[in-house]
Amino acid sequence: MSSQNFCSSLKIELSAWKDSVADIVHKFEAQPGYAKAGVLENIEDMRILVEDLQDRIHQLEETCSLDGFDDVNTQRKIDMQFNVNVRDADQAVSTISGGNFGG
């Protein structure tokens, strides 16, 4: 999956969750006071969840970009090359160490 598709899919998923929770909050708020008295605390928690999801969507829009993922992929490639070189160096040292020199 390309980074652009990943970002778009994640935004769509978070937006769907936010809309779903917001719809539930509106349904509870439309009930008469006596019907929602026992769940008022839960309604407030759900409002906070909607705000948190909106904040995360906003953060995603600002930070999730093709360039950001390219930077991660480039760093991974560099790390993999370094790890291969370290392994080769360790193998070389173990081959030429100790009793392999001298008489």
N, C-alpha and C. Protein backbone atom coordinates (compact mmCIF):
# COMPACT_ATOMS: atom_id res chain seq x y z
N MET A 1 0.85 -1.17 0.00
CA MET A 1 0.00 0.00 0.00
C MET A 1 0.90 1.23 0.00
N SER A 2 0.61 2.15 -0.89
CA SER A 2 1.40 3.37 -0.94
C SER A 2 1.09 4.23 0.28
N SER A 3 2.02 5.10 0.60
CA SER A 3 1.83 5.96 1.76
C SER A 3 0.63 6.88 1.58
N GLN A 4 0.39 7.34 0.37
CA GLN A 4 -0.76 8.21 0.12
C GLN A 4 -2.07 7.47 0.37
N ASN A 5 -2.14 6.21 -0.09
CA ASN A 5 -3.34 5.41 0.16
C ASN A 5 -3.50 5.13 1.65
N PHE A 6 -2.40 4.86 2.33
CA PHE A 6 -2.45 4.60 3.77
C PHE A 6 -3.00 5.80 4.51
N CYS A 7 -2.49 6.98 4.20
CA CYS A 7 -2.94 8.20 4.86
C CYS A 7 -4.42 8.44 4.60
N SER A 8 -4.83 8.28 3.36
CA SER A 8 -6.24 8.49 3.00
C SER A 8 -7.14 7.48 3.71
N SER A 9 -6.73 6.23 3.72
CA SER A 9 -7.53 5.19 4.37
C SER A 9 -7.65 5.43 5.86
N LEU A 10 -6.56 5.82 6.48
CA LEU A 10 -6.58 6.09 7.92
C LEU A 10 -7.50 7.27 8.23
N LYS A 11 -7.44 8.30 7.42
CA LYS A 11 -8.30 9.47 7.63
C LYS A 11 -9.77 9.08 7.47
N ILE A 12 -10.08 8.28 6.47
CA ILE A 12 -11.46 7.84 6.25
C ILE A 12 -11.95 7.01 7.43
N GLU A 13 -11.10 6.11 7.92
CA GLU A 13 -11.48 5.25 9.05
C GLU A 13 -11.73 6.07 10.31
N LEU A 14 -10.82 6.99 10.62
CA LEU A 14 -11.00 7.84 11.80
C LEU A 14 -12.24 8.72 11.68
N SER A 15 -12.48 9.23 10.50
CA SER A 15 -13.67 10.07 10.28
C SER A 15 -14.95 9.26 10.45
N ALA A 16 -14.94 8.03 9.99
CA ALA A 16 -16.12 7.17 10.14
C ALA A 16 -16.39 6.89 11.63
N TRP A 17 -15.34 6.61 12.39
CA TRP A 17 -15.50 6.39 13.83
C TRP A 17 -16.04 7.65 14.51
N LYS A 18 -15.46 8.79 14.15
CA LYS A 18 -15.90 10.06 14.76
C LYS A 18 -17.37 10.31 14.45
N ASP A 19 -17.76 10.12 13.20
CA ASP A 19 -19.16 10.35 12.82
C ASP A 19 -20.11 9.39 13.53
N SER A 20 -19.68 8.15 13.67
CA SER A 20 -20.51 7.16 14.35
C SER A 20 -20.72 7.50 15.82
N VAL A 21 -19.63 7.86 16.50
CA VAL A 21 -19.74 8.22 17.92
C VAL A 21 -20.55 9.51 18.08
N ALA A 22 -20.33 10.48 17.20
CA ALA A 22 -21.08 11.74 17.26
C ALA A 22 -22.57 11.49 17.06
N ASP A 23 -22.91 10.57 16.17
CA ASP A 23 -24.32 10.23 15.93
C ASP A 23 -24.95 9.63 17.19
N ILE A 24 -24.22 8.77 17.87
CA ILE A 24 -24.72 8.18 19.12
C ILE A 24 -24.93 9.27 20.17
N VAL A 25 -23.98 10.20 20.27
CA VAL A 25 -24.09 11.30 21.23
C VAL A 25 -25.36 12.11 20.94
N HIS A 26 -25.60 12.42 19.67
CA HIS A 26 -26.79 13.21 19.30
C HIS A 26 -28.08 12.46 19.63
N LYS A 27 -28.08 11.15 19.43
CA LYS A 27 -29.27 10.36 19.75
C LYS A 27 -29.55 10.38 21.26
N PHE A 28 -28.48 10.26 22.05
CA PHE A 28 -28.65 10.32 23.51
C PHE A 28 -29.13 11.70 23.93
N GLU A 29 -28.56 12.75 23.34
CA GLU A 29 -28.93 14.11 23.73
C GLU A 29 -30.37 14.43 23.37
N ALA A 30 -30.90 13.76 22.37
CA ALA A 30 -32.28 14.02 21.94
C ALA A 30 -33.30 13.38 22.89
N GLN A 31 -32.86 12.51 23.76
CA GLN A 31 -33.75 11.84 24.70
C GLN A 31 -34.15 12.81 25.82
N PRO A 32 -35.30 12.57 26.43
CA PRO A 32 -35.70 13.40 27.57
C PRO A 32 -34.72 13.22 28.73
N GLY A 33 -34.66 14.20 29.60
CA GLY A 33 -33.71 14.21 30.72
C GLY A 33 -33.75 12.97 31.58
N TYR A 34 -34.95 12.50 31.90
CA TYR A 34 -35.05 11.33 32.79
C TYR A 34 -34.50 10.07 32.10
N ALA A 35 -34.58 10.00 30.77
CA ALA A 35 -34.12 8.81 30.04
C ALA A 35 -32.59 8.74 29.97
N LYS A 36 -31.95 9.90 29.97
CA LYS A 36 -30.49 9.89 29.85
C LYS A 36 -29.79 10.18 31.17
N ALA A 37 -30.51 10.27 32.25
CA ALA A 37 -29.92 10.61 33.55
C ALA A 37 -28.83 9.64 33.97
N GLY A 38 -29.02 8.37 33.70
CA GLY A 38 -28.04 7.37 34.13
C GLY A 38 -26.81 7.29 33.25
N VAL A 39 -26.84 7.91 32.09
CA VAL A 39 -25.71 7.79 31.16
C VAL A 39 -25.05 9.14 30.85
N LEU A 40 -25.36 10.17 31.64
CA LEU A 40 -24.80 11.50 31.39
C LEU A 40 -23.27 11.48 31.37
N GLU A 41 -22.66 10.74 32.29
CA GLU A 41 -21.20 10.67 32.34
C GLU A 41 -20.65 10.01 31.07
N ASN A 42 -21.34 8.99 30.60
CA ASN A 42 -20.91 8.32 29.37
C ASN A 42 -21.05 9.23 28.16
N ILE A 43 -22.10 10.03 28.16
CA ILE A 43 -22.30 10.97 27.05
C ILE A 43 -21.14 11.97 27.01
N GLU A 44 -20.75 12.46 28.16
CA GLU A 44 -19.61 13.40 28.21
C GLU A 44 -18.33 12.72 27.74
N ASP A 45 -18.11 11.47 28.14
CA ASP A 45 -16.94 10.72 27.68
C ASP A 45 -16.95 10.57 26.17
N MET A 46 -18.11 10.34 25.61
CA MET A 46 -18.22 10.18 24.16
C MET A 46 -17.98 11.51 23.44
N ARG A 47 -18.41 12.62 24.04
CA ARG A 47 -18.10 13.94 23.46
C ARG A 47 -16.59 14.16 23.42
N ILE A 48 -15.93 13.78 24.51
CA ILE A 48 -14.46 13.91 24.57
C ILE A 48 -13.81 13.03 23.51
N LEU A 49 -14.34 11.83 23.31
CA LEU A 49 -13.82 10.93 22.28
C LEU A 49 -13.96 11.54 20.89
N VAL A 50 -15.10 12.17 20.63
CA VAL A 50 -15.31 12.82 19.32
C VAL A 50 -14.27 13.92 19.12
N GLU A 51 -14.04 14.73 20.14
CA GLU A 51 -13.03 15.80 20.05
C GLU A 51 -11.63 15.22 19.84
N ASP A 52 -11.32 14.14 20.54
CA ASP A 52 -10.01 13.50 20.41
C ASP A 52 -9.82 12.94 19.00
N LEU A 53 -10.86 12.32 18.46
CA LEU A 53 -10.77 11.81 17.09
C LEU A 53 -10.58 12.95 16.09
N GLN A 54 -11.29 14.06 16.30
CA GLN A 54 -11.12 15.21 15.41
C GLN A 54 -9.69 15.75 15.48
N ASP A 55 -9.13 15.81 16.69
CA ASP A 55 -7.75 16.26 16.85
C ASP A 55 -6.78 15.34 16.13
N ARG A 56 -7.03 14.05 16.22
CA ARG A 56 -6.14 13.08 15.56
C ARG A 56 -6.26 13.18 14.04
N ILE A 57 -7.45 13.42 13.55
CA ILE A 57 -7.63 13.61 12.10
C ILE A 57 -6.87 14.85 11.66
N HIS A 58 -6.98 15.92 12.42
CA HIS A 58 -6.26 17.15 12.10
C HIS A 58 -4.74 16.91 12.12
N GLN A 59 -4.26 16.20 13.13
CA GLN A 59 -2.84 15.89 13.23
C GLN A 59 -2.40 15.03 12.04
N LEU A 60 -3.23 14.09 11.65
CA LEU A 60 -2.93 13.24 10.51
C LEU A 60 -2.81 14.07 9.23
N GLU A 61 -3.71 15.01 9.05
CA GLU A 61 -3.67 15.86 7.86
C GLU A 61 -2.39 16.68 7.81
N GLU A 62 -1.88 17.08 8.97
CA GLU A 62 -0.67 17.89 9.00
C GLU A 62 0.60 17.08 8.84
N THR A 63 0.62 15.85 9.36
CA THR A 63 1.88 15.12 9.43
C THR A 63 1.99 13.93 8.49
N CYS A 64 0.90 13.39 8.05
CA CYS A 64 0.94 12.18 7.22
C CYS A 64 1.03 12.60 5.76
N SER A 65 2.23 12.47 5.23
CA SER A 65 2.43 12.87 3.84
C SER A 65 3.32 11.86 3.14
N LEU A 66 3.33 11.94 1.86
CA LEU A 66 4.16 11.05 1.06
C LEU A 66 5.63 11.24 1.41
N ASP A 67 6.04 12.49 1.61
CA ASP A 67 7.43 12.76 1.94
C ASP A 67 7.83 12.11 3.26
N GLY A 68 6.95 12.17 4.24
CA GLY A 68 7.25 11.58 5.54
C GLY A 68 7.48 10.09 5.44
N PHE A 69 6.67 9.40 4.65
CA PHE A 69 6.85 7.97 4.50
C PHE A 69 8.09 7.66 3.68
N ASP A 70 8.40 8.50 2.70
CA ASP A 70 9.62 8.28 1.94
C ASP A 70 10.84 8.40 2.83
N ASP A 71 10.81 9.34 3.77
CA ASP A 71 11.92 9.48 4.71
C ASP A 71 12.09 8.22 5.54
N VAL A 72 10.98 7.65 5.99
CA VAL A 72 11.03 6.42 6.79
C VAL A 72 11.59 5.28 5.96
N ASN A 73 11.11 5.14 4.72
CA ASN A 73 11.59 4.06 3.86
C ASN A 73 13.07 4.22 3.55
N THR A 74 13.52 5.44 3.30
CA THR A 74 14.93 5.68 3.03
C THR A 74 15.77 5.31 4.24
N GLN A 75 15.33 5.69 5.43
CA GLN A 75 16.07 5.36 6.65
C GLN A 75 16.13 3.85 6.86
N ARG A 76 15.05 3.16 6.57
CA ARG A 76 15.04 1.69 6.71
C ARG A 76 16.05 1.05 5.77
N LYS A 77 16.11 1.55 4.54
CA LYS A 77 17.07 1.00 3.58
C LYS A 77 18.50 1.22 4.07
N ILE A 78 18.77 2.41 4.59
CA ILE A 78 20.10 2.71 5.13
C ILE A 78 20.41 1.80 6.30
N ASP A 79 19.43 1.63 7.20
CA ASP A 79 19.62 0.76 8.36
C ASP A 79 19.90 -0.67 7.93
N MET A 80 19.16 -1.15 6.92
CA MET A 80 19.37 -2.51 6.46
C MET A 80 20.76 -2.68 5.87
N GLN A 81 21.23 -1.70 5.12
CA GLN A 81 22.58 -1.77 4.56
C GLN A 81 23.62 -1.78 5.67
N PHE A 82 23.41 -0.96 6.70
CA PHE A 82 24.33 -0.91 7.81
C PHE A 82 24.36 -2.25 8.55
N ASN A 83 23.19 -2.84 8.77
CA ASN A 83 23.12 -4.11 9.47
C ASN A 83 23.84 -5.21 8.69
N VAL A 84 23.71 -5.19 7.38
CA VAL A 84 24.41 -6.18 6.56
C VAL A 84 25.91 -5.98 6.69
N ASN A 85 26.36 -4.74 6.66
CA ASN A 85 27.79 -4.47 6.78
C ASN A 85 28.32 -4.89 8.15
N VAL A 86 27.57 -4.64 9.20
CA VAL A 86 27.99 -5.05 10.53
C VAL A 86 28.10 -6.56 10.61
N ARG A 87 27.13 -7.25 10.05
CA ARG A 87 27.16 -8.71 10.06
C ARG A 87 28.38 -9.23 9.30
N ASP A 88 28.66 -8.64 8.14
CA ASP A 88 29.82 -9.06 7.36
C ASP A 88 31.11 -8.78 8.11
N ALA A 89 31.15 -7.63 8.79
CA ALA A 89 32.35 -7.29 9.56
C ALA A 89 32.52 -8.26 10.72
N ASP A 90 31.47 -8.61 11.41
CA ASP A 90 31.55 -9.58 12.50
C ASP A 90 32.02 -10.94 11.99
N GLN A 91 31.51 -11.32 10.84
CA GLN A 91 31.91 -12.60 10.26
C GLN A 91 33.39 -12.57 9.87
N ALA A 92 33.84 -11.47 9.33
CA ALA A 92 35.25 -11.35 8.95
C ALA A 92 36.15 -11.39 10.17
N VAL A 93 35.76 -10.69 11.23
CA VAL A 93 36.56 -10.67 12.45
C VAL A 93 36.64 -12.06 13.06
N SER A 94 35.54 -12.79 13.07
CA SER A 94 35.55 -14.14 13.65
C SER A 94 36.41 -15.08 12.80
N THR A 95 36.50 -14.83 11.50
CA THR A 95 37.30 -15.67 10.61
C THR A 95 38.80 -15.42 10.82
N ILE A 96 39.17 -14.16 11.02
CA ILE A 96 40.60 -13.84 11.09
C ILE A 96 41.12 -13.63 12.51
N SER A 97 40.30 -13.88 13.51
CA SER A 97 40.72 -13.61 14.88
C SER A 97 41.45 -14.80 15.49
N GLY A 98 42.02 -14.54 16.63
CA GLY A 98 42.62 -15.58 17.44
C GLY A 98 43.79 -16.29 16.79
N GLY A 99 43.68 -17.58 16.65
CA GLY A 99 44.79 -18.41 16.21
C GLY A 99 45.03 -18.43 14.72
N ASN A 100 44.35 -17.62 13.96
CA ASN A 100 44.52 -17.63 12.52
C ASN A 100 45.80 -16.92 12.08
N PHE A 101 46.45 -16.22 13.00
CA PHE A 101 47.68 -15.50 12.64
C PHE A 101 48.87 -16.12 13.37
N GLY A 102 49.96 -16.02 12.79
CA GLY A 102 51.18 -16.49 13.48
C GLY A 102 51.43 -17.98 13.24
N GLY A 103 52.40 -18.44 13.97
CA GLY A 103 52.82 -19.75 13.67
C GLY A 103 52.54 -20.79 14.62
